[in-house]
Amino acid sequence: MAKQRKLGLPTDQRRAMLRSLVTSFLKTGKIETTVTRAKETKRIAEKMITLAKKGDLHSRRQVLAFVLEKEVVEQLFETTAPKYADRNGGYTRIIRKGPRRGDGAEVAILELV
């Protein structure tokens, strides 16, 4: 199993934050966050899209177990996944924006390709 970043949070808070980030990312197709959070979100979001490409009931239930909103799952299975049917991974890109004004954290934009 691949090593996960801890992101300075306890496991339950980290999982909740990533679920929220992945849900809003799949909903809008674009999200702005720190680079490390973007990398973790990218890992999970790409797995969700790959599951959605399968299109079977088991995959749908696996995605529903992670993504917070049912409407986002429907959108993922009906519009997003068919768009990437001929693509083997690499559904997202991370564009670095530079340091954030408040705390100097490196900010990035995560978007669907």
PDB file of N, CA and C in Angstrom:
ATOM      1  N   MET A   1       0.842  -1.188   0.000  1.00  0.00           N
ATOM      2  CA  MET A   1       0.000   0.000   0.000  1.00  0.00           C
ATOM      3  C   MET A   1       0.886   1.250   0.000  1.00  0.00           C
ATOM      4  N   ALA A   2       0.472   2.253  -0.718  1.00  0.00           N
ATOM      5  CA  ALA A   2       1.262   3.473  -0.843  1.00  0.00           C
ATOM      6  C   ALA A   2       1.229   4.282   0.457  1.00  0.00           C
ATOM      7  N   LYS A   3       2.306   4.973   0.716  1.00  0.00           N
ATOM      8  CA  LYS A   3       2.410   5.812   1.899  1.00  0.00           C
ATOM      9  C   LYS A   3       1.533   7.049   1.732  1.00  0.00           C
ATOM     10  N   GLN A   4       0.784   7.380   2.780  1.00  0.00           N
ATOM     11  CA  GLN A   4      -0.046   8.575   2.777  1.00  0.00           C
ATOM     12  C   GLN A   4       0.640   9.700   3.523  1.00  0.00           C
ATOM     13  N   ARG A   5       0.387  10.929   3.102  1.00  0.00           N
ATOM     14  CA  ARG A   5       0.886  12.076   3.843  1.00  0.00           C
ATOM     15  C   ARG A   5      -0.033  12.313   5.040  1.00  0.00           C
ATOM     16  N   LYS A   6       0.546  12.737   6.158  1.00  0.00           N
ATOM     17  CA  LYS A   6      -0.257  12.935   7.360  1.00  0.00           C
ATOM     18  C   LYS A   6      -0.897  14.315   7.422  1.00  0.00           C
ATOM     19  N   LEU A   7      -0.337  15.288   6.739  1.00  0.00           N
ATOM     20  CA  LEU A   7      -0.894  16.640   6.644  1.00  0.00           C
ATOM     21  C   LEU A   7      -1.124  17.316   7.997  1.00  0.00           C
ATOM     22  N   GLY A   8      -0.425  16.862   9.016  1.00  0.00           N
ATOM     23  CA  GLY A   8      -0.514  17.502  10.330  1.00  0.00           C
ATOM     24  C   GLY A   8      -1.868  17.364  10.998  1.00  0.00           C
ATOM     25  N   LEU A   9      -2.618  16.314  10.643  1.00  0.00           N
ATOM     26  CA  LEU A   9      -3.944  16.131  11.209  1.00  0.00           C
ATOM     27  C   LEU A   9      -4.109  14.714  11.743  1.00  0.00           C
ATOM     28  N   PRO A  10      -4.958  14.547  12.774  1.00  0.00           N
ATOM     29  CA  PRO A  10      -5.303  13.194  13.208  1.00  0.00           C
ATOM     30  C   PRO A  10      -6.046  12.463  12.076  1.00  0.00           C
ATOM     31  N   THR A  11      -6.030  11.150  12.105  1.00  0.00           N
ATOM     32  CA  THR A  11      -6.565  10.339  11.017  1.00  0.00           C
ATOM     33  C   THR A  11      -7.995  10.707  10.651  1.00  0.00           C
ATOM     34  N   ASP A  12      -8.884  10.840  11.637  1.00  0.00           N
ATOM     35  CA  ASP A  12     -10.288  11.113  11.330  1.00  0.00           C
ATOM     36  C   ASP A  12     -10.479  12.481  10.674  1.00  0.00           C
ATOM     37  N   GLN A  13      -9.753  13.484  11.163  1.00  0.00           N
ATOM     38  CA  GLN A  13      -9.849  14.824  10.580  1.00  0.00           C
ATOM     39  C   GLN A  13      -9.258  14.867   9.177  1.00  0.00           C
ATOM     40  N   ARG A  14      -8.133  14.153   9.004  1.00  0.00           N
ATOM     41  CA  ARG A  14      -7.497  14.099   7.687  1.00  0.00           C
ATOM     42  C   ARG A  14      -8.418  13.438   6.673  1.00  0.00           C
ATOM     43  N   ARG A  15      -9.029  12.329   7.068  1.00  0.00           N
ATOM     44  CA  ARG A  15      -9.942  11.616   6.173  1.00  0.00           C
ATOM     45  C   ARG A  15     -11.151  12.486   5.817  1.00  0.00           C
ATOM     46  N   ALA A  16     -11.709  13.184   6.803  1.00  0.00           N
ATOM     47  CA  ALA A  16     -12.856  14.057   6.567  1.00  0.00           C
ATOM     48  C   ALA A  16     -12.484  15.196   5.617  1.00  0.00           C
ATOM     49  N   MET A  17     -11.300  15.777   5.822  1.00  0.00           N
ATOM     50  CA  MET A  17     -10.857  16.874   4.965  1.00  0.00           C
ATOM     51  C   MET A  17     -10.672  16.398   3.525  1.00  0.00           C
ATOM     52  N   LEU A  18     -10.045  15.229   3.356  1.00  0.00           N
ATOM     53  CA  LEU A  18      -9.811  14.708   2.008  1.00  0.00           C
ATOM     54  C   LEU A  18     -11.123  14.330   1.323  1.00  0.00           C
ATOM     55  N   ARG A  19     -12.055  13.779   2.075  1.00  0.00           N
ATOM     56  CA  ARG A  19     -13.373  13.463   1.494  1.00  0.00           C
ATOM     57  C   ARG A  19     -14.045  14.740   1.002  1.00  0.00           C
ATOM     58  N   SER A  20     -13.956  15.783   1.797  1.00  0.00           N
ATOM     59  CA  SER A  20     -14.554  17.065   1.432  1.00  0.00           C
ATOM     60  C   SER A  20     -13.868  17.658   0.200  1.00  0.00           C
ATOM     61  N   LEU A  21     -12.535  17.623   0.182  1.00  0.00           N
ATOM     62  CA  LEU A  21     -11.785  18.148  -0.960  1.00  0.00           C
ATOM     63  C   LEU A  21     -12.100  17.384  -2.250  1.00  0.00           C
ATOM     64  N   VAL A  22     -12.130  16.059  -2.153  1.00  0.00           N
ATOM     65  CA  VAL A  22     -12.409  15.236  -3.335  1.00  0.00           C
ATOM     66  C   VAL A  22     -13.830  15.500  -3.834  1.00  0.00           C
ATOM     67  N   THR A  23     -14.783  15.610  -2.917  1.00  0.00           N
ATOM     68  CA  THR A  23     -16.170  15.866  -3.303  1.00  0.00           C
ATOM     69  C   THR A  23     -16.302  17.197  -4.031  1.00  0.00           C
ATOM     70  N   SER A  24     -15.728  18.260  -3.453  1.00  0.00           N
ATOM     71  CA  SER A  24     -15.850  19.566  -4.100  1.00  0.00           C
ATOM     72  C   SER A  24     -15.038  19.622  -5.396  1.00  0.00           C
ATOM     73  N   PHE A  25     -13.931  18.890  -5.460  1.00  0.00           N
ATOM     74  CA  PHE A  25     -13.144  18.850  -6.699  1.00  0.00           C
ATOM     75  C   PHE A  25     -13.934  18.174  -7.816  1.00  0.00           C
ATOM     76  N   LEU A  26     -14.548  17.034  -7.516  1.00  0.00           N
ATOM     77  CA  LEU A  26     -15.320  16.319  -8.539  1.00  0.00           C
ATOM     78  C   LEU A  26     -16.575  17.099  -8.927  1.00  0.00           C
ATOM     79  N   LYS A  27     -17.085  17.899  -7.992  1.00  0.00           N
ATOM     80  CA  LYS A  27     -18.280  18.703  -8.260  1.00  0.00           C
ATOM     81  C   LYS A  27     -17.972  19.834  -9.240  1.00  0.00           C
ATOM     82  N   THR A  28     -16.854  20.533  -9.010  1.00  0.00           N
ATOM     83  CA  THR A  28     -16.545  21.726  -9.805  1.00  0.00           C
ATOM     84  C   THR A  28     -15.512  21.482 -10.905  1.00  0.00           C
ATOM     85  N   GLY A  29     -14.675  20.461 -10.740  1.00  0.00           N
ATOM     86  CA  GLY A  29     -13.637  20.190 -11.734  1.00  0.00           C
ATOM     87  C   GLY A  29     -12.368  20.992 -11.512  1.00  0.00           C
ATOM     88  N   LYS A  30     -12.366  21.843 -10.490  1.00  0.00           N
ATOM     89  CA  LYS A  30     -11.206  22.695 -10.215  1.00  0.00           C
ATOM     90  C   LYS A  30     -11.244  23.099  -8.749  1.00  0.00           C
ATOM     91  N   ILE A  31     -10.065  23.125  -8.112  1.00  0.00           N
ATOM     92  CA  ILE A  31     -10.003  23.498  -6.702  1.00  0.00           C
ATOM     93  C   ILE A  31      -8.638  24.135  -6.421  1.00  0.00           C
ATOM     94  N   GLU A  32      -8.616  25.085  -5.495  1.00  0.00           N
ATOM     95  CA  GLU A  32      -7.367  25.740  -5.126  1.00  0.00           C
ATOM     96  C   GLU A  32      -7.047  25.384  -3.678  1.00  0.00           C
ATOM     97  N   THR A  33      -5.853  24.827  -3.457  1.00  0.00           N
ATOM     98  CA  THR A  33      -5.453  24.390  -2.117  1.00  0.00           C
ATOM     99  C   THR A  33      -3.925  24.363  -2.058  1.00  0.00           C
ATOM    100  N   THR A  34      -3.372  23.880  -0.950  1.00  0.00           N
ATOM    101  CA  THR A  34      -1.918  23.791  -0.861  1.00  0.00           C
ATOM    102  C   THR A  34      -1.423  22.629  -1.721  1.00  0.00           C
ATOM    103  N   VAL A  35      -0.151  22.641  -2.056  1.00  0.00           N
ATOM    104  CA  VAL A  35       0.414  21.635  -2.958  1.00  0.00           C
ATOM    105  C   VAL A  35       0.286  20.233  -2.369  1.00  0.00           C
ATOM    106  N   THR A  36       0.615  20.060  -1.095  1.00  0.00           N
ATOM    107  CA  THR A  36       0.566  18.725  -0.504  1.00  0.00           C
ATOM    108  C   THR A  36      -0.870  18.193  -0.437  1.00  0.00           C
ATOM    109  N   ARG A  37      -1.818  19.070  -0.118  1.00  0.00           N
ATOM    110  CA  ARG A  37      -3.219  18.640  -0.103  1.00  0.00           C
ATOM    111  C   ARG A  37      -3.685  18.319  -1.520  1.00  0.00           C
ATOM    112  N   ALA A  38      -3.225  19.089  -2.485  1.00  0.00           N
ATOM    113  CA  ALA A  38      -3.591  18.837  -3.887  1.00  0.00           C
ATOM    114  C   ALA A  38      -3.075  17.478  -4.342  1.00  0.00           C
ATOM    115  N   LYS A  39      -1.858  17.123  -3.929  1.00  0.00           N
ATOM    116  CA  LYS A  39      -1.276  15.835  -4.319  1.00  0.00           C
ATOM    117  C   LYS A  39      -2.082  14.672  -3.736  1.00  0.00           C
ATOM    118  N   GLU A  40      -2.478  14.791  -2.473  1.00  0.00           N
ATOM    119  CA  GLU A  40      -3.274  13.738  -1.850  1.00  0.00           C
ATOM    120  C   GLU A  40      -4.659  13.659  -2.472  1.00  0.00           C
ATOM    121  N   THR A  41      -5.259  14.813  -2.737  1.00  0.00           N
ATOM    122  CA  THR A  41      -6.582  14.855  -3.360  1.00  0.00           C
ATOM    123  C   THR A  41      -6.523  14.244  -4.755  1.00  0.00           C
ATOM    124  N   LYS A  42      -5.450  14.531  -5.472  1.00  0.00           N
ATOM    125  CA  LYS A  42      -5.276  13.994  -6.828  1.00  0.00           C
ATOM    126  C   LYS A  42      -5.261  12.464  -6.805  1.00  0.00           C
ATOM    127  N   ARG A  43      -4.508  11.887  -5.871  1.00  0.00           N
ATOM    128  CA  ARG A  43      -4.424  10.422  -5.752  1.00  0.00           C
ATOM    129  C   ARG A  43      -5.805   9.805  -5.627  1.00  0.00           C
ATOM    130  N   ILE A  44      -6.597  10.362  -4.722  1.00  0.00           N
ATOM    131  CA  ILE A  44      -7.902   9.782  -4.433  1.00  0.00           C
ATOM    132  C   ILE A  44      -8.887  10.053  -5.569  1.00  0.00           C
ATOM    133  N   ALA A  45      -8.879  11.279  -6.100  1.00  0.00           N
ATOM    134  CA  ALA A  45      -9.809  11.642  -7.170  1.00  0.00           C
ATOM    135  C   ALA A  45      -9.588  10.777  -8.408  1.00  0.00           C
ATOM    136  N   GLU A  46      -8.326  10.496  -8.732  1.00  0.00           N
ATOM    137  CA  GLU A  46      -8.050   9.659  -9.897  1.00  0.00           C
ATOM    138  C   GLU A  46      -8.564   8.235  -9.675  1.00  0.00           C
ATOM    139  N   LYS A  47      -8.474   7.741  -8.436  1.00  0.00           N
ATOM    140  CA  LYS A  47      -9.019   6.416  -8.132  1.00  0.00           C
ATOM    141  C   LYS A  47     -10.539   6.415  -8.299  1.00  0.00           C
ATOM    142  N   MET A  48     -11.187   7.502  -7.875  1.00  0.00           N
ATOM    143  CA  MET A  48     -12.641   7.601  -7.999  1.00  0.00           C
ATOM    144  C   MET A  48     -13.064   7.613  -9.472  1.00  0.00           C
ATOM    145  N   ILE A  49     -12.336   8.343 -10.300  1.00  0.00           N
ATOM    146  CA  ILE A  49     -12.654   8.399 -11.730  1.00  0.00           C
ATOM    147  C   ILE A  49     -12.440   7.035 -12.369  1.00  0.00           C
ATOM    148  N   THR A  50     -11.369   6.345 -11.991  1.00  0.00           N
ATOM    149  CA  THR A  50     -11.101   5.010 -12.522  1.00  0.00           C
ATOM    150  C   THR A  50     -12.223   4.050 -12.132  1.00  0.00           C
ATOM    151  N   LEU A  51     -12.691   4.132 -10.884  1.00  0.00           N
ATOM    152  CA  LEU A  51     -13.811   3.298 -10.451  1.00  0.00           C
ATOM    153  C   LEU A  51     -15.073   3.630 -11.257  1.00  0.00           C
ATOM    154  N   ALA A  52     -15.290   4.928 -11.488  1.00  0.00           N
ATOM    155  CA  ALA A  52     -16.480   5.353 -12.227  1.00  0.00           C
ATOM    156  C   ALA A  52     -16.436   4.863 -13.669  1.00  0.00           C
ATOM    157  N   LYS A  53     -15.243   4.723 -14.230  1.00  0.00           N
ATOM    158  CA  LYS A  53     -15.113   4.230 -15.605  1.00  0.00           C
ATOM    159  C   LYS A  53     -15.583   2.788 -15.730  1.00  0.00           C
ATOM    160  N   LYS A  54     -15.446   2.009 -14.655  1.00  0.00           N
ATOM    161  CA  LYS A  54     -15.941   0.625 -14.674  1.00  0.00           C
ATOM    162  C   LYS A  54     -17.464   0.618 -14.819  1.00  0.00           C
ATOM    163  N   GLY A  55     -18.114   1.503 -14.073  1.00  0.00           N
ATOM    164  CA  GLY A  55     -19.547   1.700 -14.222  1.00  0.00           C
ATOM    165  C   GLY A  55     -20.446   0.656 -13.587  1.00  0.00           C
ATOM    166  N   ASP A  56     -19.912  -0.336 -12.893  1.00  0.00           N
ATOM    167  CA  ASP A  56     -20.775  -1.353 -12.294  1.00  0.00           C
ATOM    168  C   ASP A  56     -21.247  -0.930 -10.902  1.00  0.00           C
ATOM    169  N   LEU A  57     -22.160  -1.711 -10.349  1.00  0.00           N
ATOM    170  CA  LEU A  57     -22.774  -1.382  -9.067  1.00  0.00           C
ATOM    171  C   LEU A  57     -21.758  -1.363  -7.928  1.00  0.00           C
ATOM    172  N   HIS A  58     -20.826  -2.314  -7.932  1.00  0.00           N
ATOM    173  CA  HIS A  58     -19.822  -2.371  -6.875  1.00  0.00           C
ATOM    174  C   HIS A  58     -18.956  -1.109  -6.874  1.00  0.00           C
ATOM    175  N   SER A  59     -18.551  -0.663  -8.048  1.00  0.00           N
ATOM    176  CA  SER A  59     -17.750   0.559  -8.160  1.00  0.00           C
ATOM    177  C   SER A  59     -18.529   1.764  -7.657  1.00  0.00           C
ATOM    178  N   ARG A  60     -19.811   1.830  -8.046  1.00  0.00           N
ATOM    179  CA  ARG A  60     -20.649   2.948  -7.611  1.00  0.00           C
ATOM    180  C   ARG A  60     -20.744   2.987  -6.083  1.00  0.00           C
ATOM    181  N   ARG A  61     -20.889   1.815  -5.464  1.00  0.00           N
ATOM    182  CA  ARG A  61     -20.984   1.767  -4.001  1.00  0.00           C
ATOM    183  C   ARG A  61     -19.660   2.136  -3.338  1.00  0.00           C
ATOM    184  N   GLN A  62     -18.548   1.755  -3.962  1.00  0.00           N
ATOM    185  CA  GLN A  62     -17.239   2.136  -3.421  1.00  0.00           C
ATOM    186  C   GLN A  62     -17.060   3.651  -3.467  1.00  0.00           C
ATOM    187  N   VAL A  63     -17.468   4.275  -4.561  1.00  0.00           N
ATOM    188  CA  VAL A  63     -17.362   5.732  -4.684  1.00  0.00           C
ATOM    189  C   VAL A  63     -18.310   6.401  -3.698  1.00  0.00           C
ATOM    190  N   LEU A  64     -19.529   5.886  -3.575  1.00  0.00           N
ATOM    191  CA  LEU A  64     -20.500   6.452  -2.627  1.00  0.00           C
ATOM    192  C   LEU A  64     -20.005   6.377  -1.185  1.00  0.00           C
ATOM    193  N   ALA A  65     -19.188   5.376  -0.877  1.00  0.00           N
ATOM    194  CA  ALA A  65     -18.650   5.239   0.477  1.00  0.00           C
ATOM    195  C   ALA A  65     -17.653   6.347   0.800  1.00  0.00           C
ATOM    196  N   PHE A  66     -17.065   6.963  -0.236  1.00  0.00           N
ATOM    197  CA  PHE A  66     -16.064   7.993   0.008  1.00  0.00           C
ATOM    198  C   PHE A  66     -16.588   9.405  -0.274  1.00  0.00           C
ATOM    199  N   VAL A  67     -17.240   9.579  -1.415  1.00  0.00           N
ATOM    200  CA  VAL A  67     -17.732  10.902  -1.811  1.00  0.00           C
ATOM    201  C   VAL A  67     -18.964  11.247  -0.977  1.00  0.00           C
ATOM    202  N   LEU A  68     -19.056  12.498  -0.539  1.00  0.00           N
ATOM    203  CA  LEU A  68     -20.077  12.909   0.420  1.00  0.00           C
ATOM    204  C   LEU A  68     -21.456  13.152  -0.199  1.00  0.00           C
ATOM    205  N   GLU A  69     -21.525  13.558  -1.476  1.00  0.00           N
ATOM    206  CA  GLU A  69     -22.801  13.930  -2.084  1.00  0.00           C
ATOM    207  C   GLU A  69     -23.191  12.957  -3.191  1.00  0.00           C
ATOM    208  N   LYS A  70     -24.429  12.490  -3.119  1.00  0.00           N
ATOM    209  CA  LYS A  70     -24.938  11.527  -4.095  1.00  0.00           C
ATOM    210  C   LYS A  70     -24.986  12.132  -5.504  1.00  0.00           C
ATOM    211  N   GLU A  71     -25.319  13.429  -5.596  1.00  0.00           N
ATOM    212  CA  GLU A  71     -25.410  14.106  -6.890  1.00  0.00           C
ATOM    213  C   GLU A  71     -24.046  14.133  -7.588  1.00  0.00           C
ATOM    214  N   VAL A  72     -22.990  14.289  -6.796  1.00  0.00           N
ATOM    215  CA  VAL A  72     -21.630  14.314  -7.349  1.00  0.00           C
ATOM    216  C   VAL A  72     -21.278  12.950  -7.929  1.00  0.00           C
ATOM    217  N   VAL A  73     -21.704  11.880  -7.251  1.00  0.00           N
ATOM    218  CA  VAL A  73     -21.443  10.523  -7.733  1.00  0.00           C
ATOM    219  C   VAL A  73     -22.174  10.294  -9.054  1.00  0.00           C
ATOM    220  N   GLU A  74     -23.436  10.737  -9.131  1.00  0.00           N
ATOM    221  CA  GLU A  74     -24.197  10.599 -10.375  1.00  0.00           C
ATOM    222  C   GLU A  74     -23.522  11.350 -11.509  1.00  0.00           C
ATOM    223  N   GLN A  75     -23.081  12.576 -11.227  1.00  0.00           N
ATOM    224  CA  GLN A  75     -22.379  13.388 -12.234  1.00  0.00           C
ATOM    225  C   GLN A  75     -21.090  12.693 -12.667  1.00  0.00           C
ATOM    226  N   LEU A  76     -20.378  12.123 -11.708  1.00  0.00           N
ATOM    227  CA  LEU A  76     -19.124  11.434 -11.987  1.00  0.00           C
ATOM    228  C   LEU A  76     -19.348  10.252 -12.926  1.00  0.00           C
ATOM    229  N   PHE A  77     -20.358   9.451 -12.640  1.00  0.00           N
ATOM    230  CA  PHE A  77     -20.623   8.256 -13.440  1.00  0.00           C
ATOM    231  C   PHE A  77     -21.234   8.581 -14.804  1.00  0.00           C
ATOM    232  N   GLU A  78     -22.064   9.639 -14.877  1.00  0.00           N
ATOM    233  CA  GLU A  78     -22.796   9.920 -16.111  1.00  0.00           C
ATOM    234  C   GLU A  78     -22.059  10.850 -17.069  1.00  0.00           C
ATOM    235  N   THR A  79     -21.302  11.817 -16.556  1.00  0.00           N
ATOM    236  CA  THR A  79     -20.649  12.777 -17.463  1.00  0.00           C
ATOM    237  C   THR A  79     -19.120  12.737 -17.406  1.00  0.00           C
ATOM    238  N   THR A  80     -18.550  12.725 -16.208  1.00  0.00           N
ATOM    239  CA  THR A  80     -17.093  12.815 -16.087  1.00  0.00           C
ATOM    240  C   THR A  80     -16.389  11.553 -16.573  1.00  0.00           C
ATOM    241  N   ALA A  81     -16.789  10.390 -16.081  1.00  0.00           N
ATOM    242  CA  ALA A  81     -16.112   9.134 -16.435  1.00  0.00           C
ATOM    243  C   ALA A  81     -16.147   8.828 -17.936  1.00  0.00           C
ATOM    244  N   PRO A  82     -17.290   9.001 -18.626  1.00  0.00           N
ATOM    245  CA  PRO A  82     -17.290   8.735 -20.074  1.00  0.00           C
ATOM    246  C   PRO A  82     -16.332   9.645 -20.857  1.00  0.00           C
ATOM    247  N   LYS A  83     -16.086  10.845 -20.322  1.00  0.00           N
ATOM    248  CA  LYS A  83     -15.149  11.767 -20.969  1.00  0.00           C
ATOM    249  C   LYS A  83     -13.731  11.184 -21.017  1.00  0.00           C
ATOM    250  N   TYR A  84     -13.392  10.373 -20.002  1.00  0.00           N
ATOM    251  CA  TYR A  84     -12.049   9.817 -19.891  1.00  0.00           C
ATOM    252  C   TYR A  84     -12.008   8.329 -20.233  1.00  0.00           C
ATOM    253  N   ALA A  85     -13.000   7.843 -20.973  1.00  0.00           N
ATOM    254  CA  ALA A  85     -13.103   6.410 -21.289  1.00  0.00           C
ATOM    255  C   ALA A  85     -11.870   5.886 -22.029  1.00  0.00           C
ATOM    256  N   ASP A  86     -11.297   6.698 -22.912  1.00  0.00           N
ATOM    257  CA  ASP A  86     -10.150   6.249 -23.710  1.00  0.00           C
ATOM    258  C   ASP A  86      -8.812   6.634 -23.095  1.00  0.00           C
ATOM    259  N   ARG A  87      -8.839   7.156 -21.871  1.00  0.00           N
ATOM    260  CA  ARG A  87      -7.615   7.641 -21.228  1.00  0.00           C
ATOM    261  C   ARG A  87      -7.238   6.727 -20.058  1.00  0.00           C
ATOM    262  N   ASN A  88      -5.988   6.288 -20.012  1.00  0.00           N
ATOM    263  CA  ASN A  88      -5.538   5.402 -18.930  1.00  0.00           C
ATOM    264  C   ASN A  88      -4.831   6.197 -17.842  1.00  0.00           C
ATOM    265  N   GLY A  89      -5.583   6.846 -16.990  1.00  0.00           N
ATOM    266  CA  GLY A  89      -5.006   7.623 -15.900  1.00  0.00           C
ATOM    267  C   GLY A  89      -4.616   9.020 -16.341  1.00  0.00           C
ATOM    268  N   GLY A  90      -4.115   9.812 -15.407  1.00  0.00           N
ATOM    269  CA  GLY A  90      -3.697  11.172 -15.704  1.00  0.00           C
ATOM    270  C   GLY A  90      -4.878  12.073 -16.016  1.00  0.00           C
ATOM    271  N   TYR A  91      -5.921  12.007 -15.192  1.00  0.00           N
ATOM    272  CA  TYR A  91      -7.125  12.786 -15.429  1.00  0.00           C
ATOM    273  C   TYR A  91      -7.019  14.201 -14.857  1.00  0.00           C
ATOM    274  N   THR A  92      -6.005  14.431 -14.023  1.00  0.00           N
ATOM    275  CA  THR A  92      -5.897  15.719 -13.336  1.00  0.00           C
ATOM    276  C   THR A  92      -4.518  16.334 -13.553  1.00  0.00           C
ATOM    277  N   ARG A  93      -4.446  17.647 -13.303  1.00  0.00           N
ATOM    278  CA  ARG A  93      -3.145  18.325 -13.346  1.00  0.00           C
ATOM    279  C   ARG A  93      -3.060  19.287 -12.177  1.00  0.00           C
ATOM    280  N   ILE A  94      -1.834  19.466 -11.690  1.00  0.00           N
ATOM    281  CA  ILE A  94      -1.578  20.403 -10.595  1.00  0.00           C
ATOM    282  C   ILE A  94      -0.748  21.550 -11.153  1.00  0.00           C
ATOM    283  N   ILE A  95      -1.269  22.768 -10.999  1.00  0.00           N
ATOM    284  CA  ILE A  95      -0.554  23.963 -11.443  1.00  0.00           C
ATOM    285  C   ILE A  95      -0.182  24.767 -10.203  1.00  0.00           C
ATOM    286  N   ARG A  96       1.106  24.974 -10.003  1.00  0.00           N
ATOM    287  CA  ARG A  96       1.557  25.722  -8.820  1.00  0.00           C
ATOM    288  C   ARG A  96       1.353  27.217  -9.038  1.00  0.00           C
ATOM    289  N   LYS A  97       0.823  27.909  -7.999  1.00  0.00           N
ATOM    290  CA  LYS A  97       0.547  29.338  -8.088  1.00  0.00           C
ATOM    291  C   LYS A  97       1.587  30.194  -7.380  1.00  0.00           C
ATOM    292  N   GLY A  98       2.254  29.615  -6.390  1.00  0.00           N
ATOM    293  CA  GLY A  98       3.209  30.394  -5.613  1.00  0.00           C
ATOM    294  C   GLY A  98       2.780  30.448  -4.157  1.00  0.00           C
ATOM    295  N   PRO A  99       3.506  31.208  -3.346  1.00  0.00           N
ATOM    296  CA  PRO A  99       3.196  31.254  -1.914  1.00  0.00           C
ATOM    297  C   PRO A  99       1.925  32.038  -1.608  1.00  0.00           C
ATOM    298  N   ARG A 100       1.224  31.578  -0.572  1.00  0.00           N
ATOM    299  CA  ARG A 100       0.015  32.272  -0.116  1.00  0.00           C
ATOM    300  C   ARG A 100       0.433  33.481   0.708  1.00  0.00           C
ATOM    301  N   ARG A 101      -0.311  34.567   0.597  1.00  0.00           N
ATOM    302  CA  ARG A 101       0.044  35.823   1.249  1.00  0.00           C
ATOM    303  C   ARG A 101       0.066  35.717   2.773  1.00  0.00           C
ATOM    304  N   GLY A 102      -0.907  35.027   3.347  1.00  0.00           N
ATOM    305  CA  GLY A 102      -1.031  34.984   4.804  1.00  0.00           C
ATOM    306  C   GLY A 102       0.081  34.235   5.506  1.00  0.00           C
ATOM    307  N   ASP A 103       0.337  32.983   5.090  1.00  0.00           N
ATOM    308  CA  ASP A 103       1.295  32.157   5.814  1.00  0.00           C
ATOM    309  C   ASP A 103       2.447  31.654   4.951  1.00  0.00           C
ATOM    310  N   GLY A 104       2.458  32.009   3.688  1.00  0.00           N
ATOM    311  CA  GLY A 104       3.566  31.614   2.822  1.00  0.00           C
ATOM    312  C   GLY A 104       3.497  30.183   2.332  1.00  0.00           C
ATOM    313  N   ALA A 105       2.369  29.507   2.561  1.00  0.00           N
ATOM    314  CA  ALA A 105       2.220  28.130   2.102  1.00  0.00           C
ATOM    315  C   ALA A 105       2.132  28.095   0.582  1.00  0.00           C
ATOM    316  N   GLU A 106       2.762  27.094  -0.028  1.00  0.00           N
ATOM    317  CA  GLU A 106       2.752  26.950  -1.482  1.00  0.00           C
ATOM    318  C   GLU A 106       1.351  26.542  -1.933  1.00  0.00           C
ATOM    319  N   VAL A 107       0.741  27.355  -2.791  1.00  0.00           N
ATOM    320  CA  VAL A 107      -0.627  27.128  -3.254  1.00  0.00           C
ATOM    321  C   VAL A 107      -0.605  26.553  -4.663  1.00  0.00           C
ATOM    322  N   ALA A 108      -1.589  25.677  -4.947  1.00  0.00           N
ATOM    323  CA  ALA A 108      -1.694  25.081  -6.272  1.00  0.00           C
ATOM    324  C   ALA A 108      -3.151  24.983  -6.692  1.00  0.00           C
ATOM    325  N   ILE A 109      -3.358  24.909  -8.002  1.00  0.00           N
ATOM    326  CA  ILE A 109      -4.692  24.676  -8.552  1.00  0.00           C
ATOM    327  C   ILE A 109      -4.719  23.242  -9.054  1.00  0.00           C
ATOM    328  N   LEU A 110      -5.701  22.483  -8.607  1.00  0.00           N
ATOM    329  CA  LEU A 110      -5.898  21.113  -9.070  1.00  0.00           C
ATOM    330  C   LEU A 110      -7.096  21.145  -9.997  1.00  0.00           C
ATOM    331  N   GLU A 111      -6.922  20.658 -11.233  1.00  0.00           N
ATOM    332  CA  GLU A 111      -8.018  20.696 -12.191  1.00  0.00           C
ATOM    333  C   GLU A 111      -8.072  19.445 -13.029  1.00  0.00           C
ATOM    334  N   LEU A 112      -9.245  19.165 -13.583  1.00  0.00           N
ATOM    335  CA  LEU A 112      -9.403  18.050 -14.503  1.00  0.00           C
ATOM    336  C   LEU A 112      -8.784  18.424 -15.840  1.00  0.00           C
ATOM    337  N   VAL A 113      -8.158  17.459 -16.502  1.00  0.00           N
ATOM    338  CA  VAL A 113      -7.520  17.724 -17.795  1.00  0.00           C
ATOM    339  C   VAL A 113      -8.591  17.839 -18.865  1.00  0.00           C
TER     340      VAL A 113
END
